[in-house]
Amino acid sequence: MSEAGVLGKILPFCTSLDQFNGLVEIETSQLFENDAVLRLATLVPDDQVSVAKAAESLRLSNDVRDRLVAAMGKTPRIASWMSPRESRRAVYQIGVRAFTDRVKLAWAKSRRSAANHQWRGLLALGESWAPPPFPLNGDDVINAGVPKGPMVGEVLREVEDWWIDHDFLDDKFSAIEKLKAVAQGMAY
């Protein structure tokens, strides 16, 4: 399509096939299923305006458009050398699908074949790790003495950030103790 000039008519914003070729090579060598949405993502510049234009001109469904937007997000940054802890944090923040899409897209951009096992490990972690539910809710915050209102959400976010920083600590008692400490330290 590119050589015949058809690709430029359909996707005028496509300037390079390098990432596309990288993704096709990964799908082939790693025996992954061909993913048309990710292949499209490699052809669209990774900014919101280009994704919106592509979605409109190609008449993509909202689900496909949303997947493209999530796959092309900038934060958290995905790198082959991410630790398991950083990877779990990213999966929790953006979800399994967006994480695995971003790993594949970053891998397709990478030209270091020595890192293939690292990319493969990130995919395995993303696909196998189920983010645990946060053990507290607004009622727990109110029971800790925080009055109803916007402060409940602030305290809950503070404790959730602590919980994430502690690698999703599977201990509700510790989360409640942290909640009490945060609630006592906040000025209502």
N, C-alpha and C. Protein backbone atom coordinates (compact mmCIF):
# COMPACT_ATOMS: atom_id res chain seq x y z
N MET A 1 0.83 -1.19 0.00
CA MET A 1 0.00 0.00 0.00
C MET A 1 0.87 1.25 0.00
N SER A 2 1.95 1.21 0.78
CA SER A 2 2.84 2.36 0.85
C SER A 2 3.52 2.60 -0.49
N GLU A 3 4.04 1.53 -1.09
CA GLU A 3 4.75 1.66 -2.36
C GLU A 3 3.83 2.10 -3.49
N ALA A 4 2.59 1.69 -3.44
CA ALA A 4 1.62 2.05 -4.47
C ALA A 4 1.01 3.43 -4.24
N GLY A 5 1.28 4.05 -3.08
CA GLY A 5 0.75 5.38 -2.78
C GLY A 5 -0.64 5.36 -2.17
N VAL A 6 -1.18 4.19 -1.93
CA VAL A 6 -2.52 4.07 -1.36
C VAL A 6 -2.53 4.45 0.12
N LEU A 7 -1.48 4.04 0.83
CA LEU A 7 -1.43 4.30 2.28
C LEU A 7 -1.49 5.80 2.57
N GLY A 8 -0.80 6.60 1.76
CA GLY A 8 -0.81 8.05 1.94
C GLY A 8 -2.19 8.66 1.72
N LYS A 9 -2.99 8.04 0.89
CA LYS A 9 -4.36 8.52 0.65
C LYS A 9 -5.27 8.19 1.83
N ILE A 10 -5.07 6.99 2.40
CA ILE A 10 -5.93 6.55 3.50
C ILE A 10 -5.46 7.14 4.83
N LEU A 11 -4.16 7.13 5.04
CA LEU A 11 -3.57 7.64 6.29
C LEU A 11 -2.53 8.72 5.96
N PRO A 12 -2.98 9.92 5.61
CA PRO A 12 -2.03 10.96 5.19
C PRO A 12 -1.05 11.38 6.29
N PHE A 13 -1.35 11.06 7.53
CA PHE A 13 -0.47 11.43 8.64
C PHE A 13 0.61 10.40 8.89
N CYS A 14 0.57 9.26 8.20
CA CYS A 14 1.57 8.21 8.38
C CYS A 14 2.86 8.64 7.69
N THR A 15 3.92 8.78 8.47
CA THR A 15 5.19 9.24 7.91
C THR A 15 6.27 8.17 7.91
N SER A 16 6.08 7.11 8.67
CA SER A 16 7.10 6.08 8.76
C SER A 16 6.45 4.72 9.02
N LEU A 17 7.08 3.70 8.49
CA LEU A 17 6.61 2.34 8.71
C LEU A 17 7.53 1.58 9.66
N ASP A 18 8.50 2.25 10.26
CA ASP A 18 9.47 1.58 11.13
C ASP A 18 8.81 0.85 12.30
N GLN A 19 7.94 1.54 13.04
CA GLN A 19 7.31 0.91 14.19
C GLN A 19 6.34 -0.19 13.73
N PHE A 20 5.65 0.05 12.64
CA PHE A 20 4.75 -0.97 12.08
C PHE A 20 5.53 -2.24 11.75
N ASN A 21 6.65 -2.08 11.05
CA ASN A 21 7.48 -3.23 10.70
C ASN A 21 8.02 -3.91 11.95
N GLY A 22 8.38 -3.12 12.98
CA GLY A 22 8.84 -3.69 14.24
C GLY A 22 7.77 -4.53 14.91
N LEU A 23 6.52 -4.04 14.90
CA LEU A 23 5.42 -4.78 15.52
C LEU A 23 5.13 -6.07 14.74
N VAL A 24 5.14 -5.99 13.42
CA VAL A 24 4.89 -7.19 12.61
C VAL A 24 5.98 -8.23 12.89
N GLU A 25 7.21 -7.78 13.00
CA GLU A 25 8.32 -8.70 13.30
C GLU A 25 8.14 -9.36 14.67
N ILE A 26 7.71 -8.57 15.66
CA ILE A 26 7.48 -9.12 17.01
C ILE A 26 6.34 -10.13 16.98
N GLU A 27 5.23 -9.75 16.33
CA GLU A 27 4.09 -10.66 16.26
C GLU A 27 4.48 -11.98 15.60
N THR A 28 5.30 -11.89 14.58
CA THR A 28 5.71 -13.09 13.86
C THR A 28 6.69 -13.93 14.67
N SER A 29 7.74 -13.28 15.19
CA SER A 29 8.79 -14.03 15.89
C SER A 29 8.33 -14.57 17.25
N GLN A 30 7.41 -13.87 17.90
CA GLN A 30 6.94 -14.29 19.22
C GLN A 30 5.64 -15.10 19.16
N LEU A 31 5.16 -15.32 17.94
CA LEU A 31 3.92 -16.08 17.71
C LEU A 31 2.71 -15.42 18.39
N PHE A 32 2.69 -14.09 18.38
CA PHE A 32 1.54 -13.36 18.90
C PHE A 32 0.47 -13.30 17.81
N GLU A 33 -0.75 -13.15 18.25
CA GLU A 33 -1.85 -12.95 17.32
C GLU A 33 -1.68 -11.57 16.68
N ASN A 34 -1.95 -11.48 15.38
CA ASN A 34 -1.89 -10.18 14.71
C ASN A 34 -2.97 -9.27 15.30
N ASP A 35 -2.59 -8.05 15.62
CA ASP A 35 -3.51 -7.12 16.27
C ASP A 35 -3.68 -5.89 15.38
N ALA A 36 -4.80 -5.82 14.69
CA ALA A 36 -5.05 -4.75 13.73
C ALA A 36 -5.06 -3.37 14.40
N VAL A 37 -5.61 -3.27 15.60
CA VAL A 37 -5.68 -1.98 16.29
C VAL A 37 -4.27 -1.50 16.65
N LEU A 38 -3.44 -2.39 17.16
CA LEU A 38 -2.07 -1.98 17.49
C LEU A 38 -1.29 -1.65 16.23
N ARG A 39 -1.51 -2.39 15.16
CA ARG A 39 -0.84 -2.07 13.90
C ARG A 39 -1.24 -0.67 13.44
N LEU A 40 -2.51 -0.34 13.57
CA LEU A 40 -2.95 1.02 13.23
C LEU A 40 -2.26 2.04 14.14
N ALA A 41 -2.14 1.72 15.42
CA ALA A 41 -1.50 2.64 16.36
C ALA A 41 -0.07 2.96 15.94
N THR A 42 0.61 2.02 15.30
CA THR A 42 1.99 2.29 14.86
C THR A 42 2.03 3.24 13.67
N LEU A 43 0.92 3.42 13.01
CA LEU A 43 0.87 4.29 11.83
C LEU A 43 0.36 5.69 12.12
N VAL A 44 -0.19 5.89 13.31
CA VAL A 44 -0.76 7.18 13.69
C VAL A 44 0.21 7.89 14.62
N PRO A 45 0.50 9.17 14.36
CA PRO A 45 1.35 9.90 15.32
C PRO A 45 0.72 9.86 16.71
N ASP A 46 1.56 9.73 17.73
CA ASP A 46 1.03 9.51 19.08
C ASP A 46 0.68 10.81 19.80
N ASP A 47 -0.31 11.50 19.25
CA ASP A 47 -0.89 12.66 19.94
C ASP A 47 -2.40 12.58 19.80
N GLN A 48 -3.10 13.20 20.72
CA GLN A 48 -4.55 13.10 20.79
C GLN A 48 -5.24 13.60 19.52
N VAL A 49 -4.72 14.67 18.93
CA VAL A 49 -5.34 15.25 17.73
C VAL A 49 -5.27 14.26 16.57
N SER A 50 -4.12 13.66 16.36
CA SER A 50 -3.97 12.70 15.26
C SER A 50 -4.85 11.47 15.46
N VAL A 51 -4.93 11.00 16.69
CA VAL A 51 -5.79 9.85 16.99
C VAL A 51 -7.24 10.20 16.70
N ALA A 52 -7.66 11.40 17.12
CA ALA A 52 -9.05 11.82 16.88
C ALA A 52 -9.33 11.93 15.38
N LYS A 53 -8.39 12.50 14.63
CA LYS A 53 -8.57 12.63 13.18
C LYS A 53 -8.63 11.25 12.51
N ALA A 54 -7.73 10.36 12.93
CA ALA A 54 -7.73 9.01 12.36
C ALA A 54 -9.03 8.29 12.67
N ALA A 55 -9.49 8.40 13.91
CA ALA A 55 -10.73 7.74 14.32
C ALA A 55 -11.91 8.25 13.51
N GLU A 56 -11.93 9.56 13.28
CA GLU A 56 -13.03 10.14 12.52
C GLU A 56 -12.95 9.76 11.04
N SER A 57 -11.77 9.91 10.44
CA SER A 57 -11.66 9.63 9.01
C SER A 57 -11.83 8.15 8.68
N LEU A 58 -11.43 7.27 9.60
CA LEU A 58 -11.58 5.83 9.37
C LEU A 58 -12.90 5.29 9.94
N ARG A 59 -13.67 6.18 10.57
CA ARG A 59 -14.96 5.81 11.16
C ARG A 59 -14.82 4.65 12.15
N LEU A 60 -13.85 4.82 13.04
CA LEU A 60 -13.59 3.79 14.05
C LEU A 60 -14.65 3.86 15.14
N SER A 61 -14.90 2.75 15.76
CA SER A 61 -15.85 2.73 16.88
C SER A 61 -15.23 3.48 18.06
N ASN A 62 -16.06 3.87 18.98
CA ASN A 62 -15.57 4.56 20.18
C ASN A 62 -14.62 3.66 20.97
N ASP A 63 -14.92 2.37 21.01
CA ASP A 63 -14.06 1.43 21.73
C ASP A 63 -12.66 1.38 21.12
N VAL A 64 -12.58 1.33 19.80
CA VAL A 64 -11.28 1.28 19.14
C VAL A 64 -10.55 2.60 19.34
N ARG A 65 -11.28 3.71 19.20
CA ARG A 65 -10.66 5.03 19.43
C ARG A 65 -10.11 5.12 20.85
N ASP A 66 -10.90 4.70 21.83
CA ASP A 66 -10.46 4.75 23.23
C ASP A 66 -9.25 3.86 23.46
N ARG A 67 -9.22 2.71 22.82
CA ARG A 67 -8.07 1.81 22.97
C ARG A 67 -6.82 2.45 22.37
N LEU A 68 -6.96 3.09 21.22
CA LEU A 68 -5.81 3.79 20.61
C LEU A 68 -5.29 4.88 21.54
N VAL A 69 -6.20 5.67 22.08
CA VAL A 69 -5.80 6.75 22.99
C VAL A 69 -5.06 6.18 24.20
N ALA A 70 -5.59 5.13 24.79
CA ALA A 70 -4.95 4.52 25.97
C ALA A 70 -3.60 3.91 25.61
N ALA A 71 -3.53 3.27 24.45
CA ALA A 71 -2.29 2.62 24.04
C ALA A 71 -1.18 3.62 23.76
N MET A 72 -1.56 4.82 23.38
CA MET A 72 -0.57 5.81 23.00
C MET A 72 -0.29 6.83 24.10
N GLY A 73 -0.79 6.57 25.29
CA GLY A 73 -0.56 7.48 26.41
C GLY A 73 0.91 7.60 26.77
N LYS A 74 1.27 8.68 27.41
CA LYS A 74 2.66 8.97 27.74
C LYS A 74 3.05 8.57 29.16
N THR A 75 2.08 8.55 30.05
CA THR A 75 2.41 8.21 31.44
C THR A 75 1.53 7.07 31.91
N PRO A 76 2.07 6.18 32.66
CA PRO A 76 3.48 6.08 33.04
C PRO A 76 4.32 5.63 31.85
N ARG A 77 5.58 6.02 31.88
CA ARG A 77 6.51 5.67 30.79
C ARG A 77 6.82 4.17 30.87
N ILE A 78 6.75 3.51 29.74
CA ILE A 78 7.02 2.08 29.67
C ILE A 78 8.43 1.87 29.11
N ALA A 79 9.24 1.09 29.81
CA ALA A 79 10.60 0.78 29.38
C ALA A 79 10.89 -0.68 29.67
N SER A 80 11.77 -1.26 28.90
CA SER A 80 12.07 -2.68 29.04
C SER A 80 12.67 -3.02 30.40
N TRP A 81 13.29 -2.06 31.03
CA TRP A 81 13.97 -2.31 32.30
C TRP A 81 13.09 -2.01 33.53
N MET A 82 11.80 -1.89 33.34
CA MET A 82 10.90 -1.64 34.48
C MET A 82 10.98 -2.81 35.46
N SER A 83 10.97 -2.47 36.73
CA SER A 83 10.96 -3.51 37.75
C SER A 83 9.55 -4.09 37.85
N PRO A 84 9.41 -5.27 38.44
CA PRO A 84 8.06 -5.82 38.63
C PRO A 84 7.16 -4.87 39.43
N ARG A 85 7.73 -4.21 40.40
CA ARG A 85 6.95 -3.27 41.22
C ARG A 85 6.45 -2.10 40.36
N GLU A 86 7.32 -1.54 39.52
CA GLU A 86 6.92 -0.44 38.64
C GLU A 86 5.87 -0.93 37.63
N SER A 87 6.05 -2.14 37.17
CA SER A 87 5.10 -2.71 36.21
C SER A 87 3.72 -2.89 36.84
N ARG A 88 3.69 -3.41 38.06
CA ARG A 88 2.39 -3.59 38.75
C ARG A 88 1.72 -2.23 38.97
N ARG A 89 2.51 -1.23 39.33
CA ARG A 89 1.95 0.12 39.51
C ARG A 89 1.33 0.61 38.21
N ALA A 90 2.03 0.40 37.10
CA ALA A 90 1.51 0.84 35.80
C ALA A 90 0.24 0.09 35.43
N VAL A 91 0.21 -1.22 35.66
CA VAL A 91 -1.00 -2.00 35.37
C VAL A 91 -2.16 -1.47 36.20
N TYR A 92 -1.91 -1.18 37.47
CA TYR A 92 -2.97 -0.67 38.34
C TYR A 92 -3.48 0.69 37.83
N GLN A 93 -2.56 1.55 37.39
CA GLN A 93 -2.93 2.90 36.96
C GLN A 93 -3.68 2.92 35.64
N ILE A 94 -3.22 2.14 34.67
CA ILE A 94 -3.79 2.27 33.32
C ILE A 94 -4.58 1.05 32.86
N GLY A 95 -4.50 -0.05 33.60
CA GLY A 95 -5.23 -1.26 33.23
C GLY A 95 -4.38 -2.22 32.42
N VAL A 96 -4.80 -3.46 32.42
CA VAL A 96 -4.04 -4.53 31.78
C VAL A 96 -3.94 -4.30 30.27
N ARG A 97 -5.04 -4.00 29.62
CA ARG A 97 -5.05 -3.85 28.16
C ARG A 97 -4.14 -2.71 27.72
N ALA A 98 -4.27 -1.55 28.34
CA ALA A 98 -3.42 -0.40 27.97
C ALA A 98 -1.95 -0.71 28.25
N PHE A 99 -1.68 -1.39 29.37
CA PHE A 99 -0.30 -1.72 29.70
C PHE A 99 0.30 -2.65 28.64
N THR A 100 -0.39 -3.73 28.31
CA THR A 100 0.17 -4.66 27.33
C THR A 100 0.27 -4.02 25.94
N ASP A 101 -0.69 -3.17 25.59
CA ASP A 101 -0.59 -2.45 24.32
C ASP A 101 0.64 -1.54 24.31
N ARG A 102 0.85 -0.81 25.40
CA ARG A 102 1.99 0.10 25.46
C ARG A 102 3.32 -0.66 25.46
N VAL A 103 3.35 -1.81 26.09
CA VAL A 103 4.57 -2.62 26.08
C VAL A 103 4.88 -3.03 24.64
N LYS A 104 3.88 -3.52 23.92
CA LYS A 104 4.11 -3.96 22.54
C LYS A 104 4.53 -2.79 21.65
N LEU A 105 3.92 -1.63 21.84
CA LEU A 105 4.29 -0.47 21.03
C LEU A 105 5.70 0.01 21.35
N ALA A 106 6.05 0.02 22.62
CA ALA A 106 7.41 0.42 23.00
C ALA A 106 8.43 -0.59 22.49
N TRP A 107 8.08 -1.85 22.57
CA TRP A 107 8.95 -2.92 22.07
C TRP A 107 9.16 -2.76 20.57
N ALA A 108 8.09 -2.42 19.85
CA ALA A 108 8.19 -2.26 18.40
C ALA A 108 9.08 -1.07 18.02
N LYS A 109 9.14 -0.06 18.88
CA LYS A 109 10.03 1.09 18.63
C LYS A 109 11.48 0.74 18.94
N SER A 110 11.66 -0.16 19.88
CA SER A 110 13.00 -0.53 20.33
C SER A 110 13.70 -1.35 19.25
N ARG A 111 14.96 -1.09 19.09
CA ARG A 111 15.73 -1.85 18.12
C ARG A 111 16.78 -2.71 18.81
N ARG A 112 16.63 -2.91 20.11
CA ARG A 112 17.60 -3.70 20.86
C ARG A 112 17.04 -5.11 21.06
N SER A 113 17.47 -6.01 20.23
CA SER A 113 16.95 -7.39 20.33
C SER A 113 17.38 -8.06 21.63
N ALA A 114 18.44 -7.55 22.26
CA ALA A 114 18.89 -8.13 23.53
C ALA A 114 17.84 -7.94 24.63
N ALA A 115 16.95 -6.97 24.46
CA ALA A 115 15.94 -6.70 25.48
C ALA A 115 14.65 -7.48 25.24
N ASN A 116 14.61 -8.33 24.22
CA ASN A 116 13.38 -9.07 23.92
C ASN A 116 12.86 -9.86 25.11
N HIS A 117 13.74 -10.49 25.87
CA HIS A 117 13.27 -11.26 27.03
C HIS A 117 12.68 -10.35 28.10
N GLN A 118 13.19 -9.11 28.21
CA GLN A 118 12.63 -8.17 29.18
C GLN A 118 11.23 -7.74 28.76
N TRP A 119 11.06 -7.43 27.47
CA TRP A 119 9.74 -7.06 26.97
C TRP A 119 8.75 -8.21 27.17
N ARG A 120 9.21 -9.40 26.88
CA ARG A 120 8.36 -10.59 27.03
C ARG A 120 7.95 -10.76 28.50
N GLY A 121 8.90 -10.51 29.41
CA GLY A 121 8.61 -10.59 30.84
C GLY A 121 7.58 -9.55 31.28
N LEU A 122 7.68 -8.34 30.73
CA LEU A 122 6.68 -7.30 31.06
C LEU A 122 5.29 -7.72 30.60
N LEU A 123 5.22 -8.28 29.41
CA LEU A 123 3.92 -8.76 28.91
C LEU A 123 3.36 -9.86 29.81
N ALA A 124 4.23 -10.79 30.19
CA ALA A 124 3.78 -11.89 31.06
C ALA A 124 3.27 -11.35 32.38
N LEU A 125 3.98 -10.40 32.97
CA LEU A 125 3.53 -9.83 34.23
C LEU A 125 2.19 -9.11 34.04
N GLY A 126 2.10 -8.30 32.99
CA GLY A 126 0.86 -7.55 32.75
C GLY A 126 -0.34 -8.45 32.52
N GLU A 127 -0.12 -9.56 31.85
CA GLU A 127 -1.23 -10.46 31.54
C GLU A 127 -1.58 -11.39 32.69
N SER A 128 -0.65 -11.61 33.61
CA SER A 128 -0.90 -12.58 34.68
C SER A 128 -1.24 -11.95 36.02
N TRP A 129 -0.87 -10.69 36.23
CA TRP A 129 -1.09 -10.07 37.53
C TRP A 129 -2.45 -9.38 37.55
N ALA A 130 -3.28 -9.74 38.48
CA ALA A 130 -4.58 -9.10 38.63
C ALA A 130 -4.48 -8.03 39.71
N PRO A 131 -4.72 -6.78 39.35
CA PRO A 131 -4.65 -5.72 40.36
C PRO A 131 -5.65 -5.98 41.49
N PRO A 132 -5.16 -5.94 42.72
CA PRO A 132 -6.09 -6.17 43.84
C PRO A 132 -6.98 -4.95 44.07
N PRO A 133 -8.14 -5.16 44.64
CA PRO A 133 -8.98 -4.00 44.95
C PRO A 133 -8.41 -3.26 46.15
N PHE A 134 -8.51 -1.95 46.13
CA PHE A 134 -8.08 -1.14 47.27
C PHE A 134 -8.95 -1.53 48.46
N PRO A 135 -8.34 -1.83 49.62
CA PRO A 135 -9.11 -2.41 50.73
C PRO A 135 -9.99 -1.44 51.51
N LEU A 136 -9.92 -0.15 51.24
CA LEU A 136 -10.71 0.83 52.00
C LEU A 136 -11.70 1.53 51.09
N ASN A 137 -12.68 2.16 51.74
CA ASN A 137 -13.65 2.95 50.99
C ASN A 137 -14.00 4.20 51.80
N GLY A 138 -14.91 4.98 51.27
CA GLY A 138 -15.29 6.23 51.92
C GLY A 138 -15.85 6.04 53.32
N ASP A 139 -16.58 4.96 53.54
CA ASP A 139 -17.13 4.70 54.87
C ASP A 139 -16.01 4.50 55.89
N ASP A 140 -14.93 3.83 55.49
CA ASP A 140 -13.79 3.66 56.39
C ASP A 140 -13.19 5.01 56.78
N VAL A 141 -13.13 5.92 55.82
CA VAL A 141 -12.57 7.25 56.08
C VAL A 141 -13.47 8.01 57.05
N ILE A 142 -14.77 7.96 56.82
CA ILE A 142 -15.72 8.64 57.71
C ILE A 142 -15.65 8.02 59.11
N ASN A 143 -15.54 6.69 59.20
CA ASN A 143 -15.43 6.03 60.49
C ASN A 143 -14.14 6.40 61.22
N ALA A 144 -13.13 6.86 60.46
CA ALA A 144 -11.87 7.29 61.07
C ALA A 144 -11.96 8.73 61.58
N GLY A 145 -13.12 9.36 61.40
CA GLY A 145 -13.33 10.69 61.95
C GLY A 145 -13.28 11.82 60.95
N VAL A 146 -13.16 11.54 59.68
CA VAL A 146 -13.13 12.60 58.66
C VAL A 146 -14.58 12.95 58.31
N PRO A 147 -14.93 14.23 58.39
CA PRO A 147 -16.31 14.61 58.06
C PRO A 147 -16.62 14.40 56.58
N LYS A 148 -17.89 14.14 56.30
CA LYS A 148 -18.32 13.95 54.91
C LYS A 148 -17.96 15.20 54.10
N GLY A 149 -17.60 14.96 52.84
CA GLY A 149 -17.25 16.07 51.97
C GLY A 149 -16.00 15.74 51.16
N PRO A 150 -15.42 16.74 50.52
CA PRO A 150 -14.28 16.51 49.63
C PRO A 150 -13.05 15.96 50.34
N MET A 151 -12.94 16.20 51.65
CA MET A 151 -11.79 15.71 52.40
C MET A 151 -11.74 14.19 52.42
N VAL A 152 -12.90 13.54 52.34
CA VAL A 152 -12.95 12.08 52.33
C VAL A 152 -12.16 11.54 51.13
N GLY A 153 -12.40 12.13 49.97
CA GLY A 153 -11.68 11.72 48.77
C GLY A 153 -10.19 11.99 48.86
N GLU A 154 -9.82 13.14 49.42
CA GLU A 154 -8.41 13.48 49.56
C GLU A 154 -7.69 12.48 50.47
N VAL A 155 -8.31 12.16 51.59
CA VAL A 155 -7.70 11.21 52.53
C VAL A 155 -7.61 9.83 51.87
N LEU A 156 -8.66 9.43 51.19
CA LEU A 156 -8.66 8.13 50.53
C LEU A 156 -7.56 8.05 49.47
N ARG A 157 -7.38 9.11 48.68
CA ARG A 157 -6.31 9.14 47.67
C ARG A 157 -4.93 9.07 48.33
N GLU A 158 -4.77 9.77 49.44
CA GLU A 158 -3.48 9.76 50.16
C GLU A 158 -3.14 8.34 50.64
N VAL A 159 -4.11 7.67 51.19
CA VAL A 159 -3.88 6.31 51.68
C VAL A 159 -3.69 5.35 50.51
N GLU A 160 -4.45 5.54 49.44
CA GLU A 160 -4.27 4.67 48.27
C GLU A 160 -2.87 4.85 47.68
N ASP A 161 -2.38 6.08 47.61
CA ASP A 161 -1.01 6.31 47.12
C ASP A 161 0.01 5.58 48.00
N TRP A 162 -0.19 5.63 49.31
CA TRP A 162 0.70 4.92 50.24
C TRP A 162 0.62 3.41 49.97
N TRP A 163 -0.58 2.90 49.78
CA TRP A 163 -0.81 1.47 49.53
C TRP A 163 -0.10 1.04 48.25
N ILE A 164 -0.21 1.85 47.20
CA ILE A 164 0.46 1.55 45.93
C ILE A 164 1.97 1.59 46.13
N ASP A 165 2.46 2.62 46.84
CA ASP A 165 3.91 2.72 47.10
C ASP A 165 4.45 1.52 47.86
N HIS A 166 3.59 0.89 48.65
CA HIS A 166 3.99 -0.30 49.41
C HIS A 166 3.63 -1.58 48.64
N ASP A 167 3.55 -1.46 47.33
CA ASP A 167 3.34 -2.59 46.42
C ASP A 167 2.07 -3.38 46.74
N PHE A 168 0.98 -2.62 46.97
CA PHE A 168 -0.36 -3.21 47.13
C PHE A 168 -0.41 -4.15 48.32
N LEU A 169 0.04 -3.64 49.42
CA LEU A 169 0.11 -4.37 50.68
C LEU A 169 -1.20 -5.10 50.96
N ASP A 170 -1.11 -6.40 51.13
CA ASP A 170 -2.29 -7.22 51.36
C ASP A 170 -2.56 -7.32 52.86
N ASP A 171 -2.86 -6.18 53.47
CA ASP A 171 -3.04 -6.12 54.91
C ASP A 171 -3.96 -4.95 55.23
N LYS A 172 -5.25 -5.23 55.36
CA LYS A 172 -6.22 -4.16 55.61
C LYS A 172 -5.93 -3.45 56.92
N PHE A 173 -5.44 -4.16 57.92
CA PHE A 173 -5.13 -3.54 59.20
C PHE A 173 -4.09 -2.42 59.02
N SER A 174 -3.04 -2.68 58.25
CA SER A 174 -2.01 -1.66 58.01
C SER A 174 -2.61 -0.47 57.26
N ALA A 175 -3.50 -0.73 56.32
CA ALA A 175 -4.13 0.36 55.59
C ALA A 175 -5.00 1.20 56.51
N ILE A 176 -5.69 0.56 57.44
CA ILE A 176 -6.52 1.30 58.40
C ILE A 176 -5.64 2.13 59.33
N GLU A 177 -4.51 1.57 59.75
CA GLU A 177 -3.58 2.33 60.61
C GLU A 177 -3.05 3.55 59.87
N LYS A 178 -2.72 3.39 58.59
CA LYS A 178 -2.27 4.52 57.79
C LYS A 178 -3.40 5.52 57.64
N LEU A 179 -4.61 5.05 57.43
CA LEU A 179 -5.77 5.92 57.33
C LEU A 179 -5.93 6.76 58.59
N LYS A 180 -5.79 6.13 59.75
CA LYS A 180 -5.91 6.86 61.01
C LYS A 180 -4.84 7.95 61.12
N ALA A 181 -3.60 7.61 60.73
CA ALA A 181 -2.52 8.57 60.79
C ALA A 181 -2.75 9.75 59.85
N VAL A 182 -3.22 9.45 58.65
CA VAL A 182 -3.51 10.53 57.68
C VAL A 182 -4.66 11.37 58.18
N ALA A 183 -5.72 10.73 58.68
CA ALA A 183 -6.89 11.47 59.15
C ALA A 183 -6.54 12.39 60.31
N GLN A 184 -5.67 11.94 61.20
CA GLN A 184 -5.26 12.76 62.34
C GLN A 184 -4.41 13.94 61.88
N GLY A 185 -3.63 13.74 60.82
CA GLY A 185 -2.73 14.79 60.35
C GLY A 185 -3.38 15.80 59.43
N MET A 186 -4.57 15.53 58.95
CA MET A 186 -5.24 16.45 58.02
C MET A 186 -6.06 17.46 58.80
N ALA A 187 -6.04 18.68 58.33
CA ALA A 187 -6.86 19.74 58.94
C ALA A 187 -8.17 19.79 58.19
N TYR A 188 -9.26 19.64 58.91
CA TYR A 188 -10.57 19.67 58.24
C TYR A 188 -11.06 21.08 58.26
